[in-house]
C-alpha atoms as a PDB file:
ATOM      1  CA  MET A   1       6.638 -12.620 -23.884  1.00  0.00           C
ATOM      2  CA  TYR A   2       9.378 -13.058 -21.357  1.00  0.00           C
ATOM      3  CA  CYS A   3      11.305 -16.227 -22.178  1.00  0.00           C
ATOM      4  CA  VAL A   4      14.697 -17.285 -20.882  1.00  0.00           C
ATOM      5  CA  GLY A   5      15.400 -19.827 -23.597  1.00  0.00           C
ATOM      6  CA  VAL A   6      13.963 -20.729 -26.949  1.00  0.00           C
ATOM      7  CA  ASP A   7      12.280 -23.879 -25.604  1.00  0.00           C
ATOM      8  CA  CYS A   8       9.979 -22.009 -23.201  1.00  0.00           C
ATOM      9  CA  CYS A   9       8.384 -19.911 -25.952  1.00  0.00           C
ATOM     10  CA  GLY A  10       5.951 -22.587 -27.096  1.00  0.00           C
ATOM     11  CA  ALA A  11       2.183 -22.328 -27.181  1.00  0.00           C
ATOM     12  CA  MET A  12       1.815 -23.153 -23.482  1.00  0.00           C
ATOM     13  CA  ALA A  13       4.248 -20.437 -22.447  1.00  0.00           C
ATOM     14  CA  GLY A  14       2.078 -17.833 -24.182  1.00  0.00           C
ATOM     15  CA  PHE A  15      -0.870 -19.125 -22.233  1.00  0.00           C
ATOM     16  CA  ILE A  16       0.819 -18.711 -18.846  1.00  0.00           C
ATOM     17  CA  LEU A  17       3.463 -15.997 -19.076  1.00  0.00           C
ATOM     18  CA  LYS A  18       3.257 -12.247 -19.329  1.00  0.00           C
ATOM     19  CA  GLN A  19       2.514 -10.996 -22.796  1.00  0.00           C
ATOM     20  CA  ASP A  20       3.933  -7.770 -24.201  1.00  0.00           C
ATOM     21  CA  TRP A  21       1.597  -5.380 -25.997  1.00  0.00           C
ATOM     22  CA  PRO A  22       1.640  -1.776 -27.187  1.00  0.00           C
ATOM     23  CA  ASP A  23       0.706   0.810 -24.557  1.00  0.00           C
ATOM     24  CA  ALA A  24      -2.806   1.264 -25.948  1.00  0.00           C
ATOM     25  CA  ARG A  25      -3.600  -2.425 -25.478  1.00  0.00           C
ATOM     26  CA  VAL A  26      -1.966  -2.510 -22.043  1.00  0.00           C
ATOM     27  CA  ALA A  27      -4.381   0.275 -21.058  1.00  0.00           C
ATOM     28  CA  LYS A  28      -7.281  -1.955 -22.154  1.00  0.00           C
ATOM     29  CA  PHE A  29      -6.020  -4.759 -19.927  1.00  0.00           C
ATOM     30  CA  ARG A  30      -5.696  -2.413 -16.965  1.00  0.00           C
ATOM     31  CA  GLN A  31      -9.205  -1.061 -17.514  1.00  0.00           C
ATOM     32  CA  ALA A  32     -10.573  -4.596 -17.775  1.00  0.00           C
ATOM     33  CA  ALA A  33      -8.726  -5.555 -14.596  1.00  0.00           C
ATOM     34  CA  PHE A  34     -10.270  -2.751 -12.577  1.00  0.00           C
ATOM     35  CA  VAL A  35     -13.754  -3.293 -13.990  1.00  0.00           C
ATOM     36  CA  TYR A  36     -13.434  -6.985 -13.128  1.00  0.00           C
ATOM     37  CA  LEU A  37     -12.205  -6.089  -9.634  1.00  0.00           C
ATOM     38  CA  HIS A  38     -15.259  -3.888  -9.078  1.00  0.00           C
ATOM     39  CA  VAL A  39     -17.575  -6.635 -10.346  1.00  0.00           C
ATOM     40  CA  ALA A  40     -15.903  -9.088  -7.973  1.00  0.00           C
ATOM     41  CA  ILE A  41     -16.336  -6.684  -5.048  1.00  0.00           C
ATOM     42  CA  LEU A  42     -19.999  -6.256  -5.963  1.00  0.00           C
ATOM     43  CA  TYR A  43     -20.538 -10.028  -6.160  1.00  0.00           C
ATOM     44  CA  GLU A  44     -18.718 -10.588  -2.857  1.00  0.00           C
ATOM     45  CA  ALA A  45     -20.779  -7.861  -1.158  1.00  0.00           C
ATOM     46  CA  ALA A  46     -24.015  -9.314  -2.547  1.00  0.00           C
ATOM     47  CA  ALA A  47     -23.067 -12.807  -1.400  1.00  0.00           C
ATOM     48  CA  TYR A  48     -22.150 -11.488   2.047  1.00  0.00           C
ATOM     49  CA  GLY A  49     -25.470  -9.659   2.291  1.00  0.00           C
ATOM     50  CA  MET A  50     -27.366 -12.734   1.151  1.00  0.00           C
ATOM     51  CA  MET A  51     -25.465 -14.835   3.664  1.00  0.00           C
ATOM     52  CA  GLY A  52     -26.506 -12.472   6.442  1.00  0.00           C
ATOM     53  CA  THR A  53     -30.163 -12.978   5.570  1.00  0.00           C
ATOM     54  CA  GLY A  54     -29.843 -16.745   5.187  1.00  0.00           C
ATOM     55  CA  LEU A  55     -30.369 -16.792   1.417  1.00  0.00           C
ATOM     56  CA  LEU A  56     -27.171 -18.688   0.560  1.00  0.00           C
ATOM     57  CA  PRO A  57     -27.479 -22.477   0.594  1.00  0.00           C
ATOM     58  CA  SER A  58     -25.006 -24.495   2.616  1.00  0.00           C
ATOM     59  CA  ARG A  59     -25.282 -27.753   0.667  1.00  0.00           C
ATOM     60  CA  PHE A  60     -21.816 -27.190  -0.861  1.00  0.00           C
ATOM     61  CA  GLY A  61     -20.152 -26.182   2.388  1.00  0.00           C
ATOM     62  CA  SER A  62     -19.916 -23.069   4.474  1.00  0.00           C
ATOM     63  CA  PRO A  63     -20.591 -19.816   2.596  1.00  0.00           C
ATOM     64  CA  TRP A  64     -17.410 -18.424   4.176  1.00  0.00           C
ATOM     65  CA  ILE A  65     -15.338 -20.930   2.209  1.00  0.00           C
ATOM     66  CA  TRP A  66     -16.932 -19.739  -1.028  1.00  0.00           C
ATOM     67  CA  LEU A  67     -16.477 -16.078  -0.121  1.00  0.00           C
ATOM     68  CA  VAL A  68     -12.762 -16.644   0.502  1.00  0.00           C
ATOM     69  CA  ALA A  69     -12.433 -18.748  -2.668  1.00  0.00           C
ATOM     70  CA  GLY A  70     -14.211 -16.036  -4.676  1.00  0.00           C
ATOM     71  CA  ALA A  71     -11.839 -13.397  -3.342  1.00  0.00           C
ATOM     72  CA  GLY A  72      -8.882 -15.607  -4.261  1.00  0.00           C
ATOM     73  CA  VAL A  73     -10.135 -16.154  -7.803  1.00  0.00           C
ATOM     74  CA  ALA A  74     -10.771 -12.420  -8.165  1.00  0.00           C
ATOM     75  CA  GLY A  75      -7.196 -11.712  -7.096  1.00  0.00           C
ATOM     76  CA  ILE A  76      -5.766 -14.199  -9.580  1.00  0.00           C
ATOM     77  CA  VAL A  77      -7.856 -12.792 -12.440  1.00  0.00           C
ATOM     78  CA  PHE A  78      -6.898  -9.241 -11.495  1.00  0.00           C
ATOM     79  CA  VAL A  79      -3.190 -10.123 -11.595  1.00  0.00           C
ATOM     80  CA  GLY A  80      -3.665 -11.996 -14.891  1.00  0.00           C
ATOM     81  CA  LEU A  81      -5.202  -8.911 -16.453  1.00  0.00           C
ATOM     82  CA  PHE A  82      -3.371  -6.047 -14.756  1.00  0.00           C
ATOM     83  CA  ARG A  83       0.164  -7.430 -14.498  1.00  0.00           C
ATOM     84  CA  LEU A  84       0.410 -10.219 -17.069  1.00  0.00           C
ATOM     85  CA  HIS A  85      -1.783  -8.666 -19.795  1.00  0.00           C
ATOM     86  CA  ASN A  86      -2.760 -12.201 -20.774  1.00  0.00           C
ATOM     87  CA  VAL A  87      -5.360 -12.506 -23.539  1.00  0.00           C
ATOM     88  CA  TRP A  88      -6.349 -16.000 -22.409  1.00  0.00           C
ATOM     89  CA  VAL A  89      -7.289 -14.767 -18.956  1.00  0.00           C
ATOM     90  CA  ALA A  90      -9.494 -12.103 -20.548  1.00  0.00           C
ATOM     91  CA  ARG A  91     -11.071 -14.560 -22.993  1.00  0.00           C
ATOM     92  CA  ILE A  92     -11.735 -17.302 -20.431  1.00  0.00           C
ATOM     93  CA  VAL A  93     -13.249 -14.878 -17.926  1.00  0.00           C
ATOM     94  CA  TRP A  94     -15.326 -13.371 -20.756  1.00  0.00           C
ATOM     95  CA  GLY A  95     -16.712 -16.830 -21.543  1.00  0.00           C
ATOM     96  CA  VAL A  96     -17.470 -17.651 -17.920  1.00  0.00           C
ATOM     97  CA  HIS A  97     -19.213 -14.329 -17.368  1.00  0.00           C
ATOM     98  CA  GLY A  98     -21.245 -14.864 -20.515  1.00  0.00           C
ATOM     99  CA  LEU A  99     -22.572 -18.064 -18.965  1.00  0.00           C
ATOM    100  CA  ARG A 100     -24.136 -15.988 -16.183  1.00  0.00           C
ATOM    101  CA  LEU A 101     -26.510 -14.181 -18.514  1.00  0.00           C
ATOM    102  CA  PRO A 102     -29.207 -16.873 -18.970  1.00  0.00           C
ATOM    103  CA  VAL A 103     -29.738 -17.191 -15.203  1.00  0.00           C
ATOM    104  CA  LEU A 104     -29.767 -13.418 -14.771  1.00  0.00           C
ATOM    105  CA  ILE A 105     -32.266 -12.965 -17.597  1.00  0.00           C
ATOM    106  CA  GLN A 106     -34.475 -15.664 -16.120  1.00  0.00           C
ATOM    107  CA  GLY A 107     -34.403 -13.983 -12.708  1.00  0.00           C
ATOM    108  CA  ALA A 108     -35.077 -10.537 -14.171  1.00  0.00           C
ATOM    109  CA  PHE A 109     -37.889 -11.369 -16.590  1.00  0.00           C
ATOM    110  CA  PHE A 110     -39.170 -14.903 -16.024  1.00  0.00           C
ATOM    111  CA  ALA A 111     -38.965 -15.488 -12.271  1.00  0.00           C
ATOM    112  CA  ALA A 112     -41.549 -17.554 -10.451  1.00  0.00           C
ATOM    113  CA  PRO A 113     -44.073 -15.528  -8.414  1.00  0.00           C
ATOM    114  CA  ASP A 114     -42.795 -16.866  -5.081  1.00  0.00           C
ATOM    115  CA  VAL A 115     -39.179 -15.716  -5.613  1.00  0.00           C
ATOM    116  CA  ILE A 116     -38.100 -13.206  -2.967  1.00  0.00           C
ATOM    117  CA  THR A 117     -35.208 -11.612  -4.880  1.00  0.00           C
ATOM    118  CA  PRO A 118     -36.551  -8.592  -6.782  1.00  0.00           C
ATOM    119  CA  PRO A 119     -36.106  -8.377 -10.576  1.00  0.00           C
ATOM    120  CA  SER A 120     -34.107  -5.150 -10.135  1.00  0.00           C
ATOM    121  CA  PHE A 121     -31.336  -7.207  -8.484  1.00  0.00           C
ATOM    122  CA  TYR A 122     -30.985  -9.296 -11.641  1.00  0.00           C
ATOM    123  CA  ILE A 123     -31.366  -6.349 -14.016  1.00  0.00           C
ATOM    124  CA  THR A 124     -28.561  -4.531 -12.218  1.00  0.00           C
ATOM    125  CA  ALA A 125     -26.417  -7.658 -12.442  1.00  0.00           C
ATOM    126  CA  ILE A 126     -27.125  -7.901 -16.192  1.00  0.00           C
ATOM    127  CA  VAL A 127     -25.905  -4.324 -16.697  1.00  0.00           C
ATOM    128  CA  VAL A 128     -22.781  -4.933 -14.603  1.00  0.00           C
ATOM    129  CA  VAL A 129     -21.971  -8.215 -16.387  1.00  0.00           C
ATOM    130  CA  MET A 130     -22.463  -6.629 -19.819  1.00  0.00           C
ATOM    131  CA  ILE A 131     -20.070  -3.784 -18.960  1.00  0.00           C
ATOM    132  CA  ASN A 132     -17.558  -6.340 -17.708  1.00  0.00           C
ATOM    133  CA  LEU A 133     -17.958  -8.424 -20.896  1.00  0.00           C
ATOM    134  CA  TRP A 134     -17.364  -5.304 -22.987  1.00  0.00           C
ATOM    135  CA  MET A 135     -14.149  -4.424 -21.168  1.00  0.00           C
ATOM    136  CA  LEU A 136     -12.866  -8.012 -21.208  1.00  0.00           C
ATOM    137  CA  ALA A 137     -13.575  -8.264 -24.956  1.00  0.00           C
ATOM    138  CA  ARG A 138     -11.664  -5.031 -25.592  1.00  0.00           C
ATOM    139  CA  ALA A 139      -8.626  -6.499 -23.863  1.00  0.00           C
ATOM    140  CA  GLY A 140      -8.960 -10.095 -25.075  1.00  0.00           C
ATOM    141  CA  TRP A 141      -9.544  -9.347 -28.743  1.00  0.00           C
ATOM    142  CA  ASP A 142      -8.104  -5.816 -29.012  1.00  0.00           C
ATOM    143  CA  LEU A 143     -11.395  -4.174 -29.978  1.00  0.00           C
END
């Protein structure tokens, strides 16, 4: 970790600051960063396409706000993985992405008959999320 003084090297500093790792682990963080970036691009493109067909609800505000916010979050996560090599970024994103699986499984295998989104959309998302979880776990827990 990069610390100027002894006082900044507490538990919270390790959570926020850049962490130093051997080259092999740094490579895992960089791989996870680019896999996450591609997942984020895929999600943004899907949301944009759904917005164009009127499938995104507007009860939480304009979809454009959420598209911009999603791009911002993706940028922050990418920097946290690629530049900072921070295990907590990898672990937190791993946990959040894991929470997506129940909804994706429901859409792929247990959807109501009147749902217009095809099961293949959800199955593809399951595959993409699982690959992302694998790469994040490699970086976050040095697997």
